[in-house]
Amino acid sequence: MSDNLPAIPGMNNGAASGTGSASTGNGFLALAGRTAKLAASALFLKEGMHLLRSHMQANAGAAMRLSEMCGQAEVEPRFTSMIEDVSTSLTRVAEASGEMVNAADAVDTDARGFNGAHDREYRPGYEASNGSGVRQAKPGFYRRTGRRR
């Protein structure tokens, strides 16, 4: 993983920090931080896959040109065939890296969507509990259990 990831509240070296109840476990900031880090990691993966794809496409083209030159030079056909196989394999790697770009893009989009929905749903409660100065119950305490009539 890259060291260039943004600083995220509630996160310390890839793990939830141990200071403050809001940043531990599944606290508001910790969860928001983990999903933001997931989105950032997906973007870094996407960038890397774009670079890999262009590199593999260039190498596949060079291998194909080499096999054509070997054919013109009447190099033994099995060697020319091996070079063509390398070109085909490099092309497959380039295509697979394109599929990885699509997957990373989907992860990035989903993580950002989750983060936005999480923020809209829980930020008001988080801010209200932090602003009150009174220690709050653990998450889930006020959840309805179905016993009420």
C-alpha atoms as a PDB file:
ATOM      1  CA  MET A   1       0.000   0.000   0.000  1.00  0.00           C
ATOM      2  CA  SER A   2       1.204   3.477  -0.759  1.00  0.00           C
ATOM      3  CA  ASP A   3       2.432   5.915   1.869  1.00  0.00           C
ATOM      4  CA  ASN A   4       0.755   8.698  -0.119  1.00  0.00           C
ATOM      5  CA  LEU A   5      -2.718   8.042   1.265  1.00  0.00           C
ATOM      6  CA  PRO A   6      -4.403  11.061   2.848  1.00  0.00           C
ATOM      7  CA  ALA A   7      -4.499  11.534   6.606  1.00  0.00           C
ATOM      8  CA  ILE A   8      -7.857  10.284   7.831  1.00  0.00           C
ATOM      9  CA  PRO A   9      -9.411  11.185  11.197  1.00  0.00           C
ATOM     10  CA  GLY A  10      -9.646   8.238  13.563  1.00  0.00           C
ATOM     11  CA  MET A  11      -6.983   6.274  11.689  1.00  0.00           C
ATOM     12  CA  ASN A  12      -3.375   5.686  12.707  1.00  0.00           C
ATOM     13  CA  ASN A  13      -1.132   3.675  10.367  1.00  0.00           C
ATOM     14  CA  GLY A  14      -4.019   1.718   8.859  1.00  0.00           C
ATOM     15  CA  ALA A  15      -5.707   0.819  12.152  1.00  0.00           C
ATOM     16  CA  ALA A  16      -8.282   2.603  14.211  1.00  0.00           C
ATOM     17  CA  SER A  17      -6.523   4.717  16.782  1.00  0.00           C
ATOM     18  CA  GLY A  18      -7.081   3.952  20.425  1.00  0.00           C
ATOM     19  CA  THR A  19      -7.791   7.482  21.609  1.00  0.00           C
ATOM     20  CA  GLY A  20     -11.368   8.573  22.060  1.00  0.00           C
ATOM     21  CA  SER A  21     -14.480   6.453  21.764  1.00  0.00           C
ATOM     22  CA  ALA A  22     -15.464   8.088  18.473  1.00  0.00           C
ATOM     23  CA  SER A  23     -12.408   6.716  16.692  1.00  0.00           C
ATOM     24  CA  THR A  24     -12.309   3.146  17.994  1.00  0.00           C
ATOM     25  CA  GLY A  25     -14.002   0.058  16.628  1.00  0.00           C
ATOM     26  CA  ASN A  26     -17.017   1.013  14.584  1.00  0.00           C
ATOM     27  CA  GLY A  27     -17.217   4.597  15.809  1.00  0.00           C
ATOM     28  CA  PHE A  28     -18.399   7.323  13.468  1.00  0.00           C
ATOM     29  CA  LEU A  29     -14.936   8.679  12.589  1.00  0.00           C
ATOM     30  CA  ALA A  30     -13.270   5.247  12.417  1.00  0.00           C
ATOM     31  CA  LEU A  31     -15.828   3.903   9.973  1.00  0.00           C
ATOM     32  CA  ALA A  32     -15.722   7.067   7.883  1.00  0.00           C
ATOM     33  CA  GLY A  33     -11.922   6.885   7.914  1.00  0.00           C
ATOM     34  CA  ARG A  34     -11.819   3.258   6.829  1.00  0.00           C
ATOM     35  CA  THR A  35     -14.204   3.833   3.931  1.00  0.00           C
ATOM     36  CA  ALA A  36     -12.293   6.959   2.866  1.00  0.00           C
ATOM     37  CA  LYS A  37      -9.063   4.958   2.946  1.00  0.00           C
ATOM     38  CA  LEU A  38     -10.721   2.210   0.902  1.00  0.00           C
ATOM     39  CA  ALA A  39     -11.787   4.765  -1.714  1.00  0.00           C
ATOM     40  CA  ALA A  40      -8.281   6.286  -1.803  1.00  0.00           C
ATOM     41  CA  SER A  41      -6.690   2.847  -2.123  1.00  0.00           C
ATOM     42  CA  ALA A  42      -9.024   2.024  -4.999  1.00  0.00           C
ATOM     43  CA  LEU A  43      -7.922   5.207  -6.767  1.00  0.00           C
ATOM     44  CA  PHE A  44      -4.252   4.294  -6.316  1.00  0.00           C
ATOM     45  CA  LEU A  45      -4.958   0.800  -7.653  1.00  0.00           C
ATOM     46  CA  LYS A  46      -6.770   2.299 -10.619  1.00  0.00           C
ATOM     47  CA  GLU A  47      -3.834   4.562 -11.434  1.00  0.00           C
ATOM     48  CA  GLY A  48      -1.417   1.644 -11.165  1.00  0.00           C
ATOM     49  CA  MET A  49      -3.547  -0.509 -13.424  1.00  0.00           C
ATOM     50  CA  HIS A  50      -3.696   2.265 -16.043  1.00  0.00           C
ATOM     51  CA  LEU A  51       0.099   2.399 -16.027  1.00  0.00           C
ATOM     52  CA  LEU A  52       0.380  -1.382 -16.224  1.00  0.00           C
ATOM     53  CA  ARG A  53      -2.088  -1.557 -19.104  1.00  0.00           C
ATOM     54  CA  SER A  54      -0.260   1.036 -21.172  1.00  0.00           C
ATOM     55  CA  HIS A  55       3.083  -0.635 -20.425  1.00  0.00           C
ATOM     56  CA  MET A  56       1.781  -4.085 -21.421  1.00  0.00           C
ATOM     57  CA  GLN A  57       0.161  -2.717 -24.591  1.00  0.00           C
ATOM     58  CA  ALA A  58       3.472  -1.120 -25.607  1.00  0.00           C
ATOM     59  CA  ASN A  59       5.359  -4.342 -24.892  1.00  0.00           C
ATOM     60  CA  ALA A  60       2.786  -6.414 -26.805  1.00  0.00           C
ATOM     61  CA  GLY A  61       3.154  -4.111 -29.803  1.00  0.00           C
ATOM     62  CA  ALA A  62       6.932  -4.324 -29.644  1.00  0.00           C
ATOM     63  CA  ALA A  63       6.796  -8.131 -29.450  1.00  0.00           C
ATOM     64  CA  MET A  64       4.459  -8.265 -32.455  1.00  0.00           C
ATOM     65  CA  ARG A  65       6.784  -6.014 -34.476  1.00  0.00           C
ATOM     66  CA  LEU A  66       9.727  -8.220 -33.466  1.00  0.00           C
ATOM     67  CA  SER A  67       7.914 -11.364 -34.592  1.00  0.00           C
ATOM     68  CA  GLU A  68       7.125  -9.695 -37.942  1.00  0.00           C
ATOM     69  CA  MET A  69      10.776  -8.749 -38.388  1.00  0.00           C
ATOM     70  CA  CYS A  70      11.825 -12.286 -37.481  1.00  0.00           C
ATOM     71  CA  GLY A  71       9.395 -13.611 -40.090  1.00  0.00           C
ATOM     72  CA  GLN A  72      10.899 -11.315 -42.724  1.00  0.00           C
ATOM     73  CA  ALA A  73      14.399 -12.377 -41.699  1.00  0.00           C
ATOM     74  CA  GLU A  74      13.328 -16.023 -42.053  1.00  0.00           C
ATOM     75  CA  VAL A  75      14.141 -16.847 -38.431  1.00  0.00           C
ATOM     76  CA  GLU A  76      13.169 -20.388 -37.470  1.00  0.00           C
ATOM     77  CA  PRO A  77       9.339 -20.418 -37.245  1.00  0.00           C
ATOM     78  CA  ARG A  78       9.202 -21.857 -33.717  1.00  0.00           C
ATOM     79  CA  PHE A  79      11.046 -18.811 -32.345  1.00  0.00           C
ATOM     80  CA  THR A  80       8.811 -16.432 -34.260  1.00  0.00           C
ATOM     81  CA  SER A  81       5.808 -18.334 -32.879  1.00  0.00           C
ATOM     82  CA  MET A  82       7.161 -18.006 -29.331  1.00  0.00           C
ATOM     83  CA  ILE A  83       7.473 -14.239 -29.730  1.00  0.00           C
ATOM     84  CA  GLU A  84       3.895 -14.056 -31.045  1.00  0.00           C
ATOM     85  CA  ASP A  85       2.758 -16.046 -27.998  1.00  0.00           C
ATOM     86  CA  VAL A  86       4.490 -13.518 -25.750  1.00  0.00           C
ATOM     87  CA  SER A  87       2.699 -10.699 -27.567  1.00  0.00           C
ATOM     88  CA  THR A  88      -0.645 -12.460 -27.101  1.00  0.00           C
ATOM     89  CA  SER A  89       0.035 -13.000 -23.390  1.00  0.00           C
ATOM     90  CA  LEU A  90       1.006  -9.363 -22.893  1.00  0.00           C
ATOM     91  CA  THR A  91      -2.192  -8.297 -24.636  1.00  0.00           C
ATOM     92  CA  ARG A  92      -4.195 -10.498 -22.227  1.00  0.00           C
ATOM     93  CA  VAL A  93      -2.441  -8.892 -19.260  1.00  0.00           C
ATOM     94  CA  ALA A  94      -3.329  -5.448 -20.643  1.00  0.00           C
ATOM     95  CA  GLU A  95      -6.982  -6.491 -21.016  1.00  0.00           C
ATOM     96  CA  ALA A  96      -7.079  -7.970 -17.498  1.00  0.00           C
ATOM     97  CA  SER A  97      -5.602  -4.786 -16.044  1.00  0.00           C
ATOM     98  CA  GLY A  98      -8.408  -2.896 -17.780  1.00  0.00           C
ATOM     99  CA  GLU A  99     -10.882  -5.145 -15.959  1.00  0.00           C
ATOM    100  CA  MET A 100      -9.077  -4.352 -12.691  1.00  0.00           C
ATOM    101  CA  VAL A 101      -9.493  -0.638 -13.444  1.00  0.00           C
ATOM    102  CA  ASN A 102     -13.245  -1.199 -13.757  1.00  0.00           C
ATOM    103  CA  ALA A 103     -13.344  -3.160 -10.486  1.00  0.00           C
ATOM    104  CA  ALA A 104     -11.311  -0.505  -8.640  1.00  0.00           C
ATOM    105  CA  ASP A 105     -13.579   2.191 -10.024  1.00  0.00           C
ATOM    106  CA  ALA A 106     -16.629   0.314  -8.721  1.00  0.00           C
ATOM    107  CA  VAL A 107     -15.017  -0.040  -5.268  1.00  0.00           C
ATOM    108  CA  ASP A 108     -14.178   3.667  -5.225  1.00  0.00           C
ATOM    109  CA  THR A 109     -17.724   4.640  -6.234  1.00  0.00           C
ATOM    110  CA  ASP A 110     -19.336   2.280  -3.726  1.00  0.00           C
ATOM    111  CA  ALA A 111     -17.055   3.380  -0.872  1.00  0.00           C
ATOM    112  CA  ARG A 112     -17.767   7.045  -1.569  1.00  0.00           C
ATOM    113  CA  GLY A 113     -21.494   6.322  -1.772  1.00  0.00           C
ATOM    114  CA  PHE A 114     -21.393   4.434   1.521  1.00  0.00           C
ATOM    115  CA  ASN A 115     -19.405   7.222   3.150  1.00  0.00           C
ATOM    116  CA  GLY A 116     -21.919   9.824   1.979  1.00  0.00           C
ATOM    117  CA  ALA A 117     -24.908   7.797   3.175  1.00  0.00           C
ATOM    118  CA  HIS A 118     -23.184   7.073   6.488  1.00  0.00           C
ATOM    119  CA  ASP A 119     -22.409  10.756   6.972  1.00  0.00           C
ATOM    120  CA  ARG A 120     -25.995  11.839   6.211  1.00  0.00           C
ATOM    121  CA  GLU A 121     -27.443   9.216   8.542  1.00  0.00           C
ATOM    122  CA  TYR A 122     -25.144   9.421  11.549  1.00  0.00           C
ATOM    123  CA  ARG A 123     -23.385  12.828  11.560  1.00  0.00           C
ATOM    124  CA  PRO A 124     -26.294  14.669  13.258  1.00  0.00           C
ATOM    125  CA  GLY A 125     -26.306  12.173  16.128  1.00  0.00           C
ATOM    126  CA  TYR A 126     -22.518  12.177  16.347  1.00  0.00           C
ATOM    127  CA  GLU A 127     -22.373  15.968  16.538  1.00  0.00           C
ATOM    128  CA  ALA A 128     -25.233  16.134  19.040  1.00  0.00           C
ATOM    129  CA  SER A 129     -23.615  13.583  21.357  1.00  0.00           C
ATOM    130  CA  ASN A 130     -20.195  15.263  21.146  1.00  0.00           C
ATOM    131  CA  GLY A 131     -21.687  18.700  21.686  1.00  0.00           C
ATOM    132  CA  SER A 132     -23.653  17.737  24.782  1.00  0.00           C
ATOM    133  CA  GLY A 133     -20.652  17.111  27.036  1.00  0.00           C
ATOM    134  CA  VAL A 134     -22.481  14.141  28.553  1.00  0.00           C
ATOM    135  CA  ARG A 135     -21.186  10.618  28.138  1.00  0.00           C
ATOM    136  CA  GLN A 136     -23.430   8.759  25.685  1.00  0.00           C
ATOM    137  CA  ALA A 137     -24.555   5.148  25.650  1.00  0.00           C
ATOM    138  CA  LYS A 138     -22.772   2.712  23.357  1.00  0.00           C
ATOM    139  CA  PRO A 139     -24.080   2.460  19.778  1.00  0.00           C
ATOM    140  CA  GLY A 140     -27.185   0.295  19.592  1.00  0.00           C
ATOM    141  CA  PHE A 141     -28.346   0.999  23.145  1.00  0.00           C
ATOM    142  CA  TYR A 142     -31.294   3.071  21.991  1.00  0.00           C
ATOM    143  CA  ARG A 143     -32.214   0.629  19.230  1.00  0.00           C
ATOM    144  CA  ARG A 144     -35.789  -0.566  19.367  1.00  0.00           C
ATOM    145  CA  THR A 145     -35.969  -4.218  20.433  1.00  0.00           C
ATOM    146  CA  GLY A 146     -39.589  -4.989  19.552  1.00  0.00           C
ATOM    147  CA  ARG A 147     -40.758  -5.394  23.176  1.00  0.00           C
ATOM    148  CA  ARG A 148     -42.663  -2.094  23.207  1.00  0.00           C
ATOM    149  CA  ARG A 149     -46.400  -1.996  22.674  1.00  0.00           C
END
